[in-house]
Amino acid sequence: MRLIAPLITAALLFSPVANAHLLKIFAYTQPIVGEQKALQVRGKVYFAGGATLANLALKVIDSEGLVIHRPSTDQQGKFVFELAAGNYQIIADSLDGHLANWQLKASVEASELLENATQPSADKDLIAQNQYTQQQLQRVISQQLAIQIQPLSEQLNSLQEKARFQDIIGALGYIFGLYGLAIWWRQRKVDPQS
């Protein structure tokens, strides 16, 4: 009987219901058209089960540890704000013990592309012949790529958060295995011939 209490405790700690209140945050960036080295940050704050948090205040902290922005989520738990390119941490605190953070790291390639896109080209005749400049093409491509990748990123993130059937069966097998081990150990103490 003494072994049943720890087994029940372990089952409750590792059950999917216990993780239902795990606060998560997901964010991504995309360049802003017409603005040099500026990014639009979009994201969502939610619990592991999928429930969102409306009107939750967030903190954006820069690489020096200073709070530089305090956006909040909308009714669907989503947020949108603008930042200069750089390294940031977004922190969501529900004030009831749930805390989540997301790292936004400056992409070297993206910053180089932005710098290259703003530098004038040496061959102005070639640009004059083309309908779009290199800068315009890079902006359109990066915007479309961000739009196409964003739903895939959200879907991948949500799939990683859900307890799958095989996870549940695996957890039950683990619990029954521990229970069987406990019974074997107890029988071994009762019957010294084993």
N, C-alpha and C. Protein backbone atom coordinates (compact mmCIF):
# COMPACT_ATOMS: atom_id res chain seq x y z
N MET A 1 0.80 -1.20 0.00
CA MET A 1 0.00 0.00 0.00
C MET A 1 0.85 1.27 0.00
N ARG A 2 2.01 1.19 0.63
CA ARG A 2 2.88 2.36 0.68
C ARG A 2 3.38 2.75 -0.70
N LEU A 3 3.42 1.80 -1.59
CA LEU A 3 3.95 2.06 -2.93
C LEU A 3 2.91 2.67 -3.86
N ILE A 4 1.65 2.51 -3.53
CA ILE A 4 0.60 3.02 -4.41
C ILE A 4 0.58 4.55 -4.41
N ALA A 5 0.78 5.18 -3.27
CA ALA A 5 0.76 6.65 -3.19
C ALA A 5 1.83 7.28 -4.09
N PRO A 6 3.09 6.80 -4.05
CA PRO A 6 4.08 7.39 -4.97
C PRO A 6 3.75 7.13 -6.44
N LEU A 7 3.16 5.98 -6.73
CA LEU A 7 2.80 5.70 -8.12
C LEU A 7 1.69 6.63 -8.60
N ILE A 8 0.71 6.86 -7.76
CA ILE A 8 -0.37 7.78 -8.13
C ILE A 8 0.18 9.20 -8.28
N THR A 9 1.07 9.59 -7.39
CA THR A 9 1.69 10.92 -7.50
C THR A 9 2.46 11.06 -8.80
N ALA A 10 3.24 10.04 -9.15
CA ALA A 10 4.00 10.07 -10.41
C ALA A 10 3.06 10.13 -11.60
N ALA A 11 1.97 9.38 -11.55
CA ALA A 11 1.01 9.38 -12.66
C ALA A 11 0.38 10.75 -12.83
N LEU A 12 0.07 11.41 -11.73
CA LEU A 12 -0.53 12.74 -11.81
C LEU A 12 0.46 13.79 -12.29
N LEU A 13 1.71 13.66 -11.88
CA LEU A 13 2.72 14.64 -12.30
C LEU A 13 3.02 14.56 -13.78
N PHE A 14 3.00 13.36 -14.34
CA PHE A 14 3.38 13.20 -15.73
C PHE A 14 2.19 13.05 -16.67
N SER A 15 1.00 13.30 -16.18
CA SER A 15 -0.18 13.16 -17.03
C SER A 15 -0.33 14.39 -17.92
N PRO A 16 -1.00 14.24 -19.08
CA PRO A 16 -1.23 15.38 -19.97
C PRO A 16 -2.05 16.49 -19.32
N VAL A 17 -2.93 16.14 -18.38
CA VAL A 17 -3.75 17.15 -17.72
C VAL A 17 -2.87 18.09 -16.90
N ALA A 18 -1.81 17.55 -16.30
CA ALA A 18 -0.91 18.38 -15.52
C ALA A 18 -0.19 19.39 -16.40
N ASN A 19 0.07 19.05 -17.64
CA ASN A 19 0.74 19.95 -18.56
C ASN A 19 -0.22 20.88 -19.30
N ALA A 20 -1.51 20.76 -19.05
CA ALA A 20 -2.49 21.58 -19.77
C ALA A 20 -2.33 23.06 -19.44
N HIS A 21 -1.74 23.37 -18.30
CA HIS A 21 -1.57 24.77 -17.92
C HIS A 21 -0.17 25.29 -18.18
N LEU A 22 0.59 24.60 -18.99
CA LEU A 22 1.92 25.05 -19.37
C LEU A 22 1.79 26.22 -20.33
N LEU A 23 2.27 27.38 -19.93
CA LEU A 23 2.16 28.58 -20.75
C LEU A 23 3.21 28.56 -21.84
N LYS A 24 2.81 28.86 -23.07
CA LYS A 24 3.71 28.85 -24.22
C LYS A 24 3.59 30.18 -24.95
N ILE A 25 4.67 30.54 -25.62
CA ILE A 25 4.66 31.73 -26.46
C ILE A 25 5.36 31.37 -27.76
N PHE A 26 4.82 31.87 -28.86
CA PHE A 26 5.39 31.65 -30.18
C PHE A 26 5.45 32.99 -30.89
N ALA A 27 6.59 33.31 -31.50
CA ALA A 27 6.73 34.59 -32.20
C ALA A 27 7.62 34.41 -33.42
N TYR A 28 7.39 35.26 -34.41
CA TYR A 28 8.24 35.29 -35.60
C TYR A 28 8.31 36.73 -36.08
N THR A 29 9.32 37.00 -36.90
CA THR A 29 9.52 38.36 -37.41
C THR A 29 9.45 38.37 -38.92
N GLN A 30 9.13 39.54 -39.44
CA GLN A 30 9.20 39.77 -40.88
C GLN A 30 9.58 41.22 -41.10
N PRO A 31 10.33 41.49 -42.18
CA PRO A 31 10.76 42.87 -42.43
C PRO A 31 9.57 43.77 -42.75
N ILE A 32 9.71 45.04 -42.42
CA ILE A 32 8.67 46.03 -42.71
C ILE A 32 9.03 46.73 -44.01
N VAL A 33 8.08 46.79 -44.91
CA VAL A 33 8.31 47.41 -46.21
C VAL A 33 8.60 48.90 -46.03
N GLY A 34 9.66 49.36 -46.66
CA GLY A 34 9.98 50.78 -46.65
C GLY A 34 10.78 51.23 -45.45
N GLU A 35 11.00 50.37 -44.47
CA GLU A 35 11.76 50.77 -43.30
C GLU A 35 13.02 49.92 -43.20
N GLN A 36 14.13 50.61 -43.05
CA GLN A 36 15.41 49.94 -42.99
C GLN A 36 15.65 49.37 -41.59
N LYS A 37 16.05 48.12 -41.51
CA LYS A 37 16.40 47.45 -40.26
C LYS A 37 15.26 47.46 -39.24
N ALA A 38 14.03 47.43 -39.70
CA ALA A 38 12.88 47.36 -38.81
C ALA A 38 12.15 46.05 -39.06
N LEU A 39 11.66 45.46 -37.99
CA LEU A 39 10.96 44.18 -38.09
C LEU A 39 9.59 44.29 -37.45
N GLN A 40 8.66 43.55 -38.02
CA GLN A 40 7.35 43.41 -37.40
C GLN A 40 7.35 42.05 -36.70
N VAL A 41 7.00 42.05 -35.43
CA VAL A 41 6.97 40.83 -34.63
C VAL A 41 5.51 40.42 -34.49
N ARG A 42 5.23 39.17 -34.83
CA ARG A 42 3.88 38.61 -34.68
C ARG A 42 4.00 37.35 -33.84
N GLY A 43 2.97 37.08 -33.06
CA GLY A 43 3.03 35.88 -32.25
C GLY A 43 1.73 35.59 -31.54
N LYS A 44 1.82 34.60 -30.66
CA LYS A 44 0.64 34.13 -29.95
C LYS A 44 1.07 33.60 -28.58
N VAL A 45 0.25 33.83 -27.57
CA VAL A 45 0.47 33.28 -26.23
C VAL A 45 -0.69 32.34 -25.94
N TYR A 46 -0.36 31.14 -25.46
CA TYR A 46 -1.39 30.12 -25.26
C TYR A 46 -0.93 29.10 -24.24
N PHE A 47 -1.89 28.33 -23.72
CA PHE A 47 -1.56 27.21 -22.87
C PHE A 47 -1.33 25.98 -23.74
N ALA A 48 -0.63 24.99 -23.22
CA ALA A 48 -0.25 23.81 -24.00
C ALA A 48 -1.46 23.11 -24.61
N GLY A 49 -2.60 23.17 -24.00
CA GLY A 49 -3.79 22.54 -24.56
C GLY A 49 -4.39 23.32 -25.72
N GLY A 50 -3.94 24.56 -25.94
CA GLY A 50 -4.44 25.36 -27.05
C GLY A 50 -5.23 26.59 -26.62
N ALA A 51 -5.62 26.69 -25.35
CA ALA A 51 -6.38 27.85 -24.89
C ALA A 51 -5.49 29.09 -24.91
N THR A 52 -6.03 30.19 -25.45
CA THR A 52 -5.24 31.42 -25.58
C THR A 52 -5.48 32.34 -24.38
N LEU A 53 -4.63 33.34 -24.24
CA LEU A 53 -4.75 34.32 -23.17
C LEU A 53 -5.03 35.69 -23.77
N ALA A 54 -6.20 36.23 -23.49
CA ALA A 54 -6.58 37.54 -24.01
C ALA A 54 -6.06 38.64 -23.10
N ASN A 55 -5.65 39.75 -23.70
CA ASN A 55 -5.24 40.96 -22.98
C ASN A 55 -4.13 40.72 -21.95
N LEU A 56 -3.18 39.88 -22.30
CA LEU A 56 -2.06 39.60 -21.41
C LEU A 56 -0.91 40.55 -21.74
N ALA A 57 -0.38 41.22 -20.74
CA ALA A 57 0.74 42.14 -20.93
C ALA A 57 2.03 41.34 -21.10
N LEU A 58 2.82 41.73 -22.10
CA LEU A 58 4.10 41.09 -22.38
C LEU A 58 5.22 42.08 -22.11
N LYS A 59 6.43 41.57 -21.95
CA LYS A 59 7.61 42.43 -21.82
C LYS A 59 8.60 42.03 -22.90
N VAL A 60 9.17 43.02 -23.57
CA VAL A 60 10.23 42.78 -24.55
C VAL A 60 11.51 43.33 -23.95
N ILE A 61 12.49 42.45 -23.79
CA ILE A 61 13.76 42.82 -23.16
C ILE A 61 14.86 42.74 -24.20
N ASP A 62 15.69 43.78 -24.24
CA ASP A 62 16.79 43.79 -25.21
C ASP A 62 17.99 43.01 -24.67
N SER A 63 19.08 43.00 -25.43
CA SER A 63 20.25 42.20 -25.06
C SER A 63 20.96 42.74 -23.82
N GLU A 64 20.66 43.96 -23.40
CA GLU A 64 21.26 44.52 -22.19
C GLU A 64 20.37 44.34 -20.96
N GLY A 65 19.23 43.69 -21.13
CA GLY A 65 18.34 43.42 -20.01
C GLY A 65 17.33 44.51 -19.71
N LEU A 66 17.20 45.47 -20.60
CA LEU A 66 16.25 46.56 -20.40
C LEU A 66 14.92 46.26 -21.06
N VAL A 67 13.83 46.57 -20.38
CA VAL A 67 12.50 46.42 -20.96
C VAL A 67 12.30 47.58 -21.93
N ILE A 68 12.16 47.26 -23.22
CA ILE A 68 12.05 48.32 -24.22
C ILE A 68 10.65 48.47 -24.79
N HIS A 69 9.80 47.47 -24.55
CA HIS A 69 8.45 47.54 -25.10
C HIS A 69 7.53 46.67 -24.25
N ARG A 70 6.27 47.08 -24.11
CA ARG A 70 5.28 46.33 -23.34
C ARG A 70 4.00 46.15 -24.16
N PRO A 71 4.04 45.26 -25.14
CA PRO A 71 2.82 45.01 -25.92
C PRO A 71 1.87 44.11 -25.12
N SER A 72 0.67 43.94 -25.63
CA SER A 72 -0.28 43.01 -25.00
C SER A 72 -0.99 42.21 -26.08
N THR A 73 -1.57 41.10 -25.67
CA THR A 73 -2.27 40.23 -26.61
C THR A 73 -3.68 40.74 -26.87
N ASP A 74 -4.24 40.34 -28.01
CA ASP A 74 -5.62 40.70 -28.32
C ASP A 74 -6.56 39.63 -27.77
N GLN A 75 -7.80 39.62 -28.21
CA GLN A 75 -8.80 38.67 -27.71
C GLN A 75 -8.48 37.22 -28.08
N GLN A 76 -7.71 37.01 -29.16
CA GLN A 76 -7.33 35.65 -29.58
C GLN A 76 -5.95 35.25 -29.05
N GLY A 77 -5.37 36.05 -28.19
CA GLY A 77 -4.06 35.75 -27.64
C GLY A 77 -2.91 36.09 -28.57
N LYS A 78 -3.19 36.82 -29.65
CA LYS A 78 -2.16 37.18 -30.63
C LYS A 78 -1.62 38.58 -30.34
N PHE A 79 -0.40 38.83 -30.81
CA PHE A 79 0.19 40.15 -30.65
C PHE A 79 0.97 40.53 -31.90
N VAL A 80 1.08 41.83 -32.13
CA VAL A 80 1.83 42.39 -33.25
C VAL A 80 2.46 43.69 -32.77
N PHE A 81 3.76 43.84 -33.02
CA PHE A 81 4.44 45.09 -32.71
C PHE A 81 5.70 45.20 -33.57
N GLU A 82 6.32 46.37 -33.55
CA GLU A 82 7.50 46.62 -34.37
C GLU A 82 8.72 46.84 -33.49
N LEU A 83 9.87 46.36 -34.00
CA LEU A 83 11.15 46.51 -33.32
C LEU A 83 12.24 46.79 -34.33
N ALA A 84 13.32 47.37 -33.87
CA ALA A 84 14.52 47.46 -34.70
C ALA A 84 15.18 46.08 -34.68
N ALA A 85 15.88 45.72 -35.75
CA ALA A 85 16.54 44.42 -35.81
C ALA A 85 17.52 44.29 -34.66
N GLY A 86 17.52 43.14 -34.00
CA GLY A 86 18.40 42.90 -32.86
C GLY A 86 18.01 41.64 -32.12
N ASN A 87 18.66 41.41 -30.99
CA ASN A 87 18.37 40.25 -30.14
C ASN A 87 17.43 40.68 -29.02
N TYR A 88 16.35 39.94 -28.85
CA TYR A 88 15.36 40.28 -27.84
C TYR A 88 14.82 39.03 -27.18
N GLN A 89 14.20 39.23 -26.03
CA GLN A 89 13.49 38.17 -25.33
C GLN A 89 12.09 38.69 -25.04
N ILE A 90 11.08 37.90 -25.41
CA ILE A 90 9.69 38.26 -25.12
C ILE A 90 9.25 37.41 -23.94
N ILE A 91 8.74 38.05 -22.90
CA ILE A 91 8.33 37.34 -21.70
C ILE A 91 6.83 37.52 -21.49
N ALA A 92 6.15 36.40 -21.28
CA ALA A 92 4.72 36.39 -20.96
C ALA A 92 4.57 35.88 -19.53
N ASP A 93 3.95 36.67 -18.68
CA ASP A 93 3.73 36.30 -17.29
C ASP A 93 2.25 36.46 -16.99
N SER A 94 1.58 35.34 -16.70
CA SER A 94 0.14 35.39 -16.46
C SER A 94 -0.20 35.81 -15.03
N LEU A 95 0.81 36.08 -14.21
CA LEU A 95 0.67 36.55 -12.84
C LEU A 95 0.02 35.53 -11.90
N ASP A 96 -0.12 34.30 -12.36
CA ASP A 96 -0.62 33.24 -11.48
C ASP A 96 0.35 32.07 -11.45
N GLY A 97 1.61 32.36 -11.69
CA GLY A 97 2.64 31.33 -11.63
C GLY A 97 3.06 30.78 -12.98
N HIS A 98 2.41 31.17 -14.05
CA HIS A 98 2.76 30.69 -15.39
C HIS A 98 3.65 31.72 -16.07
N LEU A 99 4.78 31.27 -16.57
CA LEU A 99 5.76 32.15 -17.20
C LEU A 99 6.31 31.47 -18.45
N ALA A 100 6.42 32.24 -19.54
CA ALA A 100 6.99 31.71 -20.78
C ALA A 100 7.84 32.79 -21.42
N ASN A 101 8.87 32.36 -22.17
CA ASN A 101 9.66 33.35 -22.89
C ASN A 101 10.04 32.81 -24.26
N TRP A 102 10.34 33.74 -25.15
CA TRP A 102 10.70 33.42 -26.54
C TRP A 102 11.87 34.30 -26.93
N GLN A 103 12.88 33.69 -27.52
CA GLN A 103 14.06 34.43 -27.96
C GLN A 103 13.92 34.86 -29.41
N LEU A 104 14.15 36.12 -29.68
CA LEU A 104 14.23 36.63 -31.05
C LEU A 104 15.68 37.00 -31.29
N LYS A 105 16.31 36.30 -32.21
CA LYS A 105 17.72 36.55 -32.49
C LYS A 105 17.86 37.21 -33.84
N ALA A 106 18.73 38.20 -33.91
CA ALA A 106 18.98 38.90 -35.16
C ALA A 106 19.67 37.96 -36.13
N SER A 107 19.13 37.86 -37.30
CA SER A 107 19.72 37.02 -38.33
C SER A 107 20.79 37.81 -39.06
N VAL A 108 21.99 37.25 -39.11
CA VAL A 108 23.09 37.93 -39.81
C VAL A 108 22.75 38.06 -41.28
N GLU A 109 22.19 37.00 -41.84
CA GLU A 109 21.86 37.02 -43.26
C GLU A 109 20.80 38.08 -43.55
N ALA A 110 19.80 38.19 -42.69
CA ALA A 110 18.73 39.16 -42.91
C ALA A 110 19.26 40.58 -42.81
N SER A 111 20.12 40.84 -41.82
CA SER A 111 20.65 42.19 -41.69
C SER A 111 21.56 42.53 -42.86
N GLU A 112 22.32 41.54 -43.35
CA GLU A 112 23.16 41.79 -44.52
C GLU A 112 22.30 42.05 -45.75
N LEU A 113 21.22 41.29 -45.89
CA LEU A 113 20.32 41.51 -47.03
C LEU A 113 19.70 42.90 -46.97
N LEU A 114 19.31 43.32 -45.78
CA LEU A 114 18.73 44.66 -45.65
C LEU A 114 19.75 45.73 -46.00
N GLU A 115 21.00 45.55 -45.56
CA GLU A 115 22.03 46.53 -45.88
C GLU A 115 22.33 46.53 -47.37
N ASN A 116 22.44 45.34 -47.96
CA ASN A 116 22.71 45.25 -49.39
C ASN A 116 21.56 45.81 -50.22
N ALA A 117 20.35 45.63 -49.73
CA ALA A 117 19.19 46.10 -50.49
C ALA A 117 19.11 47.62 -50.49
N THR A 118 19.65 48.25 -49.45
CA THR A 118 19.56 49.71 -49.39
C THR A 118 20.74 50.40 -50.07
N GLN A 119 21.80 49.64 -50.37
CA GLN A 119 22.94 50.24 -51.06
C GLN A 119 22.61 50.42 -52.53
N PRO A 120 22.98 51.56 -53.12
CA PRO A 120 22.69 51.78 -54.53
C PRO A 120 23.52 50.84 -55.40
N SER A 121 22.92 50.36 -56.44
CA SER A 121 23.60 49.46 -57.37
C SER A 121 24.48 50.27 -58.31
N ALA A 122 25.60 49.66 -58.70
CA ALA A 122 26.53 50.34 -59.60
C ALA A 122 25.97 50.41 -61.01
N ASP A 123 25.14 49.47 -61.37
CA ASP A 123 24.62 49.40 -62.74
C ASP A 123 23.21 49.98 -62.78
N LYS A 124 23.09 51.31 -62.82
CA LYS A 124 21.78 51.96 -62.79
C LYS A 124 21.00 51.74 -64.07
N ASP A 125 21.70 51.52 -65.19
CA ASP A 125 21.00 51.26 -66.45
C ASP A 125 20.23 49.95 -66.37
N LEU A 126 20.84 48.94 -65.72
CA LEU A 126 20.18 47.64 -65.59
C LEU A 126 18.93 47.77 -64.72
N ILE A 127 19.03 48.54 -63.64
CA ILE A 127 17.87 48.75 -62.77
C ILE A 127 16.78 49.51 -63.52
N ALA A 128 17.17 50.49 -64.30
CA ALA A 128 16.19 51.25 -65.06
C ALA A 128 15.45 50.37 -66.05
N GLN A 129 16.14 49.35 -66.59
CA GLN A 129 15.51 48.45 -67.55
C GLN A 129 14.55 47.49 -66.86
N ASN A 130 14.85 47.10 -65.62
CA ASN A 130 13.99 46.17 -64.89
C ASN A 130 12.81 46.91 -64.29
N GLN A 131 11.70 46.18 -64.14
CA GLN A 131 10.50 46.80 -63.57
C GLN A 131 10.67 47.01 -62.06
N TYR A 132 11.37 46.09 -61.38
CA TYR A 132 11.55 46.16 -59.94
C TYR A 132 13.03 46.28 -59.61
N THR A 133 13.32 47.01 -58.56
CA THR A 133 14.70 47.09 -58.10
C THR A 133 15.01 45.87 -57.24
N GLN A 134 16.27 45.66 -56.97
CA GLN A 134 16.68 44.54 -56.13
C GLN A 134 16.05 44.66 -54.74
N GLN A 135 16.00 45.87 -54.23
CA GLN A 135 15.42 46.10 -52.91
C GLN A 135 13.94 45.73 -52.89
N GLN A 136 13.21 46.13 -53.90
CA GLN A 136 11.78 45.80 -53.95
C GLN A 136 11.58 44.30 -54.06
N LEU A 137 12.36 43.63 -54.89
CA LEU A 137 12.24 42.18 -55.03
C LEU A 137 12.54 41.47 -53.72
N GLN A 138 13.59 41.88 -53.04
CA GLN A 138 13.93 41.24 -51.78
C GLN A 138 12.83 41.43 -50.74
N ARG A 139 12.25 42.60 -50.71
CA ARG A 139 11.16 42.84 -49.75
C ARG A 139 9.94 41.99 -50.07
N VAL A 140 9.57 41.94 -51.35
CA VAL A 140 8.40 41.15 -51.74
C VAL A 140 8.65 39.67 -51.45
N ILE A 141 9.83 39.18 -51.79
CA ILE A 141 10.14 37.77 -51.56
C ILE A 141 10.14 37.46 -50.07
N SER A 142 10.78 38.32 -49.26
CA SER A 142 10.82 38.05 -47.82
C SER A 142 9.44 38.12 -47.19
N GLN A 143 8.60 39.04 -47.64
CA GLN A 143 7.24 39.11 -47.11
C GLN A 143 6.44 37.87 -47.48
N GLN A 144 6.51 37.47 -48.73
CA GLN A 144 5.76 36.29 -49.16
C GLN A 144 6.27 35.03 -48.48
N LEU A 145 7.57 34.93 -48.31
CA LEU A 145 8.14 33.78 -47.63
C LEU A 145 7.67 33.73 -46.17
N ALA A 146 7.67 34.87 -45.49
CA ALA A 146 7.20 34.92 -44.11
C ALA A 146 5.73 34.55 -44.02
N ILE A 147 4.94 35.01 -44.97
CA ILE A 147 3.51 34.69 -44.98
C ILE A 147 3.29 33.20 -45.18
N GLN A 148 4.09 32.58 -46.05
CA GLN A 148 3.93 31.16 -46.34
C GLN A 148 4.45 30.29 -45.20
N ILE A 149 5.52 30.69 -44.56
CA ILE A 149 6.13 29.87 -43.50
C ILE A 149 5.38 29.99 -42.18
N GLN A 150 4.77 31.12 -41.90
CA GLN A 150 4.13 31.36 -40.62
C GLN A 150 3.10 30.31 -40.24
N PRO A 151 2.15 29.93 -41.11
CA PRO A 151 1.20 28.89 -40.70
C PRO A 151 1.87 27.54 -40.46
N LEU A 152 2.90 27.23 -41.23
CA LEU A 152 3.62 25.98 -41.02
C LEU A 152 4.34 25.97 -39.68
N SER A 153 4.92 27.09 -39.31
CA SER A 153 5.59 27.20 -38.02
C SER A 153 4.60 27.04 -36.88
N GLU A 154 3.44 27.67 -36.99
CA GLU A 154 2.41 27.54 -35.96
C GLU A 154 1.91 26.10 -35.86
N GLN A 155 1.72 25.46 -37.00
CA GLN A 155 1.23 24.08 -37.00
C GLN A 155 2.27 23.15 -36.37
N LEU A 156 3.52 23.32 -36.70
CA LEU A 156 4.58 22.50 -36.13
C LEU A 156 4.66 22.71 -34.63
N ASN A 157 4.57 23.95 -34.20
CA ASN A 157 4.62 24.26 -32.78
C ASN A 157 3.43 23.65 -32.03
N SER A 158 2.24 23.70 -32.60
CA SER A 158 1.07 23.13 -31.93
C SER A 158 1.14 21.60 -31.89
N LEU A 159 1.71 20.98 -32.92
CA LEU A 159 1.84 19.53 -32.91
C LEU A 159 2.80 19.06 -31.83
N GLN A 160 3.82 19.84 -31.56
CA GLN A 160 4.78 19.47 -30.54
C GLN A 160 4.19 19.59 -29.14
N GLU A 161 3.15 20.38 -28.97
CA GLU A 161 2.57 20.63 -27.66
C GLU A 161 1.50 19.61 -27.26
N LYS A 162 0.87 18.98 -28.23
CA LYS A 162 -0.24 18.09 -27.92
C LYS A 162 0.26 16.72 -27.49
N ALA A 163 -0.43 16.15 -26.51
CA ALA A 163 -0.12 14.79 -26.09
C ALA A 163 -0.70 13.83 -27.14
N ARG A 164 0.15 13.04 -27.71
CA ARG A 164 -0.30 12.09 -28.72
C ARG A 164 -0.75 10.80 -28.06
N PHE A 165 -1.52 10.02 -28.78
CA PHE A 165 -2.03 8.75 -28.27
C PHE A 165 -0.87 7.85 -27.85
N GLN A 166 0.18 7.81 -28.65
CA GLN A 166 1.32 6.95 -28.31
C GLN A 166 2.02 7.43 -27.04
N ASP A 167 2.00 8.72 -26.76
CA ASP A 167 2.57 9.23 -25.51
C ASP A 167 1.76 8.76 -24.31
N ILE A 168 0.44 8.78 -24.46
CA ILE A 168 -0.43 8.34 -23.37
C ILE A 168 -0.25 6.85 -23.11
N ILE A 169 -0.25 6.05 -24.18
CA ILE A 169 -0.05 4.60 -24.03
C ILE A 169 1.32 4.32 -23.43
N GLY A 170 2.33 5.05 -23.86
CA GLY A 170 3.68 4.88 -23.31
C GLY A 170 3.73 5.19 -21.83
N ALA A 171 3.04 6.25 -21.41
CA ALA A 171 3.01 6.62 -20.00
C ALA A 171 2.30 5.55 -19.17
N LEU A 172 1.19 5.03 -19.71
CA LEU A 172 0.48 3.96 -19.00
C LEU A 172 1.36 2.71 -18.88
N GLY A 173 2.06 2.37 -19.95
CA GLY A 173 2.97 1.22 -19.91
C GLY A 173 4.08 1.42 -18.89
N TYR A 174 4.58 2.62 -18.81
CA TYR A 174 5.62 2.94 -17.83
C TYR A 174 5.09 2.77 -16.41
N ILE A 175 3.87 3.25 -16.17
CA ILE A 175 3.27 3.14 -14.84
C ILE A 175 3.03 1.68 -14.48
N PHE A 176 2.47 0.92 -15.42
CA PHE A 176 2.25 -0.50 -15.15
C PHE A 176 3.57 -1.24 -14.95
N GLY A 177 4.59 -0.86 -15.66
CA GLY A 177 5.91 -1.46 -15.48
C GLY A 177 6.46 -1.19 -14.10
N LEU A 178 6.32 0.04 -13.63
CA LEU A 178 6.78 0.37 -12.27
C LEU A 178 5.96 -0.39 -11.23
N TYR A 179 4.67 -0.49 -11.48
CA TYR A 179 3.81 -1.22 -10.55
C TYR A 179 4.22 -2.70 -10.51
N GLY A 180 4.49 -3.29 -11.67
CA GLY A 180 4.94 -4.68 -11.73
C GLY A 180 6.27 -4.87 -11.03
N LEU A 181 7.16 -3.93 -11.19
CA LEU A 181 8.45 -3.99 -10.51
C LEU A 181 8.26 -3.93 -9.00
N ALA A 182 7.34 -3.08 -8.54
CA ALA A 182 7.07 -2.96 -7.11
C ALA A 182 6.48 -4.26 -6.56
N ILE A 183 5.57 -4.87 -7.31
CA ILE A 183 4.99 -6.15 -6.86
C ILE A 183 6.07 -7.22 -6.81
N TRP A 184 6.91 -7.29 -7.82
CA TRP A 184 8.00 -8.28 -7.83
C TRP A 184 8.92 -8.06 -6.63
N TRP A 185 9.27 -6.81 -6.35
CA TRP A 185 10.15 -6.50 -5.23
C TRP A 185 9.50 -6.89 -3.90
N ARG A 186 8.22 -6.64 -3.78
CA ARG A 186 7.51 -6.99 -2.56
C ARG A 186 7.43 -8.50 -2.38
N GLN A 187 7.17 -9.22 -3.47
CA GLN A 187 7.12 -10.68 -3.42
C GLN A 187 8.49 -11.25 -3.07
N ARG A 188 9.51 -10.62 -3.54
CA ARG A 188 10.87 -11.08 -3.27
C ARG A 188 11.18 -10.99 -1.78
N LYS A 189 10.69 -9.94 -1.12
CA LYS A 189 10.89 -9.79 0.32
C LYS A 189 10.07 -10.81 1.11
N VAL A 190 8.87 -11.12 0.63
CA VAL A 190 8.00 -12.07 1.32
C VAL A 190 8.53 -13.50 1.16
N ASP A 191 8.96 -13.86 -0.05
CA ASP A 191 9.44 -15.21 -0.35
C ASP A 191 10.96 -15.17 -0.53
N PRO A 192 11.75 -15.49 0.52
CA PRO A 192 13.20 -15.36 0.42
C PRO A 192 13.84 -16.37 -0.54
N GLN A 193 13.11 -17.36 -1.05
CA GLN A 193 13.68 -18.36 -1.96
C GLN A 193 13.88 -17.80 -3.37
N SER A 194 13.26 -16.69 -3.74
CA SER A 194 13.35 -16.13 -5.09
C SER A 194 14.66 -15.44 -5.31
